[in-house]
C-alpha atoms as a PDB file:
ATOM      1  CA  UNK A   1      16.813  -7.801  29.973  1.00  0.00           C
ATOM      2  CA  UNK A   2      17.178  -5.965  26.691  1.00  0.00           C
ATOM      3  CA  UNK A   3      15.692  -2.522  26.165  1.00  0.00           C
ATOM      4  CA  UNK A   4      12.112  -2.530  24.940  1.00  0.00           C
ATOM      5  CA  UNK A   5      11.782  -0.595  21.719  1.00  0.00           C
ATOM      6  CA  UNK A   6       8.793  -0.013  19.484  1.00  0.00           C
ATOM      7  CA  UNK A   7       8.575   1.981  16.291  1.00  0.00           C
ATOM      8  CA  UNK A   8       5.774   3.619  14.297  1.00  0.00           C
ATOM      9  CA  UNK A   9       5.945   5.576  11.113  1.00  0.00           C
ATOM     10  CA  UNK A  10       3.491   7.496   8.997  1.00  0.00           C
ATOM     11  CA  UNK A  11       4.367   7.942   5.364  1.00  0.00           C
ATOM     12  CA  UNK A  12       3.420  10.451   2.673  1.00  0.00           C
ATOM     13  CA  UNK A  13       1.702  12.924   5.031  1.00  0.00           C
ATOM     14  CA  UNK A  14       0.660  16.080   3.149  1.00  0.00           C
ATOM     15  CA  UNK A  15       2.571  18.415   5.487  1.00  0.00           C
ATOM     16  CA  UNK A  16       5.875  20.028   4.590  1.00  0.00           C
ATOM     17  CA  UNK A  17       8.850  18.445   6.426  1.00  0.00           C
ATOM     18  CA  UNK A  18       9.978  21.791   7.877  1.00  0.00           C
ATOM     19  CA  UNK A  19       6.580  22.363   9.523  1.00  0.00           C
ATOM     20  CA  UNK A  20       6.395  18.756  10.799  1.00  0.00           C
ATOM     21  CA  UNK A  21       9.897  18.997  12.270  1.00  0.00           C
ATOM     22  CA  UNK A  22       8.826  21.926  14.469  1.00  0.00           C
ATOM     23  CA  UNK A  23       6.258  19.685  16.121  1.00  0.00           C
ATOM     24  CA  UNK A  24       8.505  16.624  16.369  1.00  0.00           C
ATOM     25  CA  UNK A  25      11.258  18.724  17.998  1.00  0.00           C
ATOM     26  CA  UNK A  26       8.759  19.615  20.786  1.00  0.00           C
ATOM     27  CA  UNK A  27       8.325  16.001  21.970  1.00  0.00           C
ATOM     28  CA  UNK A  28      11.709  14.388  21.268  1.00  0.00           C
ATOM     29  CA  UNK A  29      13.133  13.075  24.584  1.00  0.00           C
ATOM     30  CA  UNK A  30       9.844  13.393  26.523  1.00  0.00           C
ATOM     31  CA  UNK A  31       7.886  10.705  28.315  1.00  0.00           C
ATOM     32  CA  UNK A  32       5.279   9.310  25.991  1.00  0.00           C
ATOM     33  CA  UNK A  33       2.251  10.292  28.090  1.00  0.00           C
ATOM     34  CA  UNK A  34       3.513  13.840  28.485  1.00  0.00           C
ATOM     35  CA  UNK A  35       4.195  14.066  24.732  1.00  0.00           C
ATOM     36  CA  UNK A  36       0.656  12.893  23.968  1.00  0.00           C
ATOM     37  CA  UNK A  37      -0.727  15.609  26.270  1.00  0.00           C
ATOM     38  CA  UNK A  38       1.425  18.288  24.589  1.00  0.00           C
ATOM     39  CA  UNK A  39       0.464  17.126  21.106  1.00  0.00           C
ATOM     40  CA  UNK A  40      -3.236  17.003  21.885  1.00  0.00           C
ATOM     41  CA  UNK A  41      -3.244  20.765  22.274  1.00  0.00           C
ATOM     42  CA  UNK A  42      -0.506  21.805  19.864  1.00  0.00           C
ATOM     43  CA  UNK A  43      -1.820  24.520  17.572  1.00  0.00           C
ATOM     44  CA  UNK A  44       0.239  23.407  14.552  1.00  0.00           C
ATOM     45  CA  UNK A  45      -1.467  21.395  11.819  1.00  0.00           C
ATOM     46  CA  UNK A  46       1.097  18.605  12.103  1.00  0.00           C
ATOM     47  CA  UNK A  47       0.224  18.062  15.762  1.00  0.00           C
ATOM     48  CA  UNK A  48      -2.618  15.687  15.018  1.00  0.00           C
ATOM     49  CA  UNK A  49      -0.550  13.482  12.713  1.00  0.00           C
ATOM     50  CA  UNK A  50       2.408  13.329  15.124  1.00  0.00           C
ATOM     51  CA  UNK A  51      -0.039  12.562  17.979  1.00  0.00           C
ATOM     52  CA  UNK A  52      -1.369   9.577  15.996  1.00  0.00           C
ATOM     53  CA  UNK A  53       2.166   8.347  15.235  1.00  0.00           C
ATOM     54  CA  UNK A  54       3.244   8.549  18.897  1.00  0.00           C
ATOM     55  CA  UNK A  55       0.020   6.812  20.006  1.00  0.00           C
ATOM     56  CA  UNK A  56       0.690   4.073  17.416  1.00  0.00           C
ATOM     57  CA  UNK A  57       4.244   3.560  18.731  1.00  0.00           C
ATOM     58  CA  UNK A  58       2.859   3.261  22.287  1.00  0.00           C
ATOM     59  CA  UNK A  59       0.223   0.768  21.092  1.00  0.00           C
ATOM     60  CA  UNK A  60       2.972  -1.265  19.305  1.00  0.00           C
ATOM     61  CA  UNK A  61       4.954  -1.362  22.587  1.00  0.00           C
ATOM     62  CA  UNK A  62       1.853  -2.538  24.506  1.00  0.00           C
ATOM     63  CA  UNK A  63       1.160  -5.283  21.933  1.00  0.00           C
ATOM     64  CA  UNK A  64       4.677  -6.504  21.365  1.00  0.00           C
ATOM     65  CA  UNK A  65       6.195  -6.157  24.838  1.00  0.00           C
ATOM     66  CA  UNK A  66       3.275  -6.058  27.266  1.00  0.00           C
ATOM     67  CA  UNK A  67       3.868  -2.493  28.471  1.00  0.00           C
ATOM     68  CA  UNK A  68       0.960  -1.443  30.707  1.00  0.00           C
ATOM     69  CA  UNK A  69       0.749   2.295  29.928  1.00  0.00           C
ATOM     70  CA  UNK A  70       2.440   5.206  28.217  1.00  0.00           C
ATOM     71  CA  UNK A  71       4.000   6.581  31.415  1.00  0.00           C
ATOM     72  CA  UNK A  72       6.598   3.781  31.266  1.00  0.00           C
ATOM     73  CA  UNK A  73       7.896   4.829  27.835  1.00  0.00           C
ATOM     74  CA  UNK A  74      10.221   7.560  26.554  1.00  0.00           C
ATOM     75  CA  UNK A  75      10.426   8.952  23.011  1.00  0.00           C
ATOM     76  CA  UNK A  76      14.043   8.102  22.218  1.00  0.00           C
ATOM     77  CA  UNK A  77      13.980   8.914  18.520  1.00  0.00           C
ATOM     78  CA  UNK A  78      11.681  11.069  16.454  1.00  0.00           C
ATOM     79  CA  UNK A  79      12.473  12.393  13.030  1.00  0.00           C
ATOM     80  CA  UNK A  80      10.869  13.624   9.836  1.00  0.00           C
ATOM     81  CA  UNK A  81      12.147  12.754   6.360  1.00  0.00           C
ATOM     82  CA  UNK A  82      11.079  14.232   3.038  1.00  0.00           C
ATOM     83  CA  UNK A  83       8.606  12.263   1.007  1.00  0.00           C
ATOM     84  CA  UNK A  84       7.643  12.639  -2.656  1.00  0.00           C
ATOM     85  CA  UNK A  85       6.903  16.137  -3.902  1.00  0.00           C
ATOM     86  CA  UNK A  86       3.726  16.564  -5.935  1.00  0.00           C
ATOM     87  CA  UNK A  87       4.369  19.065  -8.714  1.00  0.00           C
ATOM     88  CA  UNK A  88       1.457  21.291  -9.821  1.00  0.00           C
ATOM     89  CA  UNK A  89       1.290  24.226 -12.167  1.00  0.00           C
ATOM     90  CA  UNK A  90      -0.416  27.559 -11.704  1.00  0.00           C
ATOM     91  CA  UNK A  91      -1.307  29.620 -14.797  1.00  0.00           C
ATOM     92  CA  UNK A  92       0.224  33.100 -14.875  1.00  0.00           C
ATOM     93  CA  UNK A  93       0.082  36.090 -17.161  1.00  0.00           C
ATOM     94  CA  UNK A  94       1.001  35.989 -20.869  1.00  0.00           C
ATOM     95  CA  UNK A  95       0.708  32.193 -21.157  1.00  0.00           C
ATOM     96  CA  UNK A  96       3.356  31.363 -18.570  1.00  0.00           C
ATOM     97  CA  UNK A  97       3.078  28.783 -15.790  1.00  0.00           C
ATOM     98  CA  UNK A  98       4.714  28.670 -12.389  1.00  0.00           C
ATOM     99  CA  UNK A  99       5.360  25.437 -10.598  1.00  0.00           C
ATOM    100  CA  UNK A 100       3.916  24.755  -7.131  1.00  0.00           C
ATOM    101  CA  UNK A 101       5.539  22.066  -5.027  1.00  0.00           C
ATOM    102  CA  UNK A 102       3.236  20.201  -2.664  1.00  0.00           C
ATOM    103  CA  UNK A 103       5.642  18.530  -0.278  1.00  0.00           C
ATOM    104  CA  UNK A 104       5.040  15.394   1.784  1.00  0.00           C
ATOM    105  CA  UNK A 105       6.723  13.946   4.877  1.00  0.00           C
ATOM    106  CA  UNK A 106       7.578  10.595   6.460  1.00  0.00           C
ATOM    107  CA  UNK A 107       7.251  10.808  10.269  1.00  0.00           C
ATOM    108  CA  UNK A 108       9.002   8.157  12.421  1.00  0.00           C
ATOM    109  CA  UNK A 109       8.809   7.765  16.211  1.00  0.00           C
ATOM    110  CA  UNK A 110      10.668   5.222  18.371  1.00  0.00           C
ATOM    111  CA  UNK A 111       9.695   4.659  22.025  1.00  0.00           C
ATOM    112  CA  UNK A 112      11.696   2.791  24.627  1.00  0.00           C
ATOM    113  CA  UNK A 113      11.412   1.913  28.300  1.00  0.00           C
ATOM    114  CA  UNK A 114      14.754   3.519  29.135  1.00  0.00           C
ATOM    115  CA  UNK A 115      15.722   7.140  28.652  1.00  0.00           C
ATOM    116  CA  UNK A 116      18.729   7.021  26.397  1.00  0.00           C
ATOM    117  CA  UNK A 117      20.425  10.093  25.006  1.00  0.00           C
ATOM    118  CA  UNK A 118      18.320  11.691  22.344  1.00  0.00           C
ATOM    119  CA  UNK A 119      19.643  10.904  18.907  1.00  0.00           C
ATOM    120  CA  UNK A 120      19.593  13.665  16.359  1.00  0.00           C
ATOM    121  CA  UNK A 121      20.528  12.128  13.058  1.00  0.00           C
ATOM    122  CA  UNK A 122      21.535  13.877   9.935  1.00  0.00           C
ATOM    123  CA  UNK A 123      19.616  12.129   7.184  1.00  0.00           C
ATOM    124  CA  UNK A 124      20.202  12.293   3.460  1.00  0.00           C
ATOM    125  CA  UNK A 125      18.049  14.997   2.000  1.00  0.00           C
ATOM    126  CA  UNK A 126      17.328  16.635   5.338  1.00  0.00           C
ATOM    127  CA  UNK A 127      18.157  20.355   5.390  1.00  0.00           C
END
């Protein structure tokens, strides 16, 4: 039987990629139910969004492959890519203006029924 894999992604989240990666790095390679427990009480702002993405991936696995619960699944891939940057301007002294970048993220989580080696991928644009 082939490995069961399910994917979920959340796009254009108003969290900087660097801050979201801190949270995603916590749960990469964990069992899905343990990851959900960790994310539920993570103090970082990105914890809630990553929690919803992991929960969505588990729900996709249940719907597509008939998995009973999250304890059967592992987070095999989890990564954060840069989304669009909203550019805003702040007025400064003597008629100048400084640019403020409001960064966004794309969060992707893949769950599987087998624990495969954790893939850390270098993506284009990732620093």
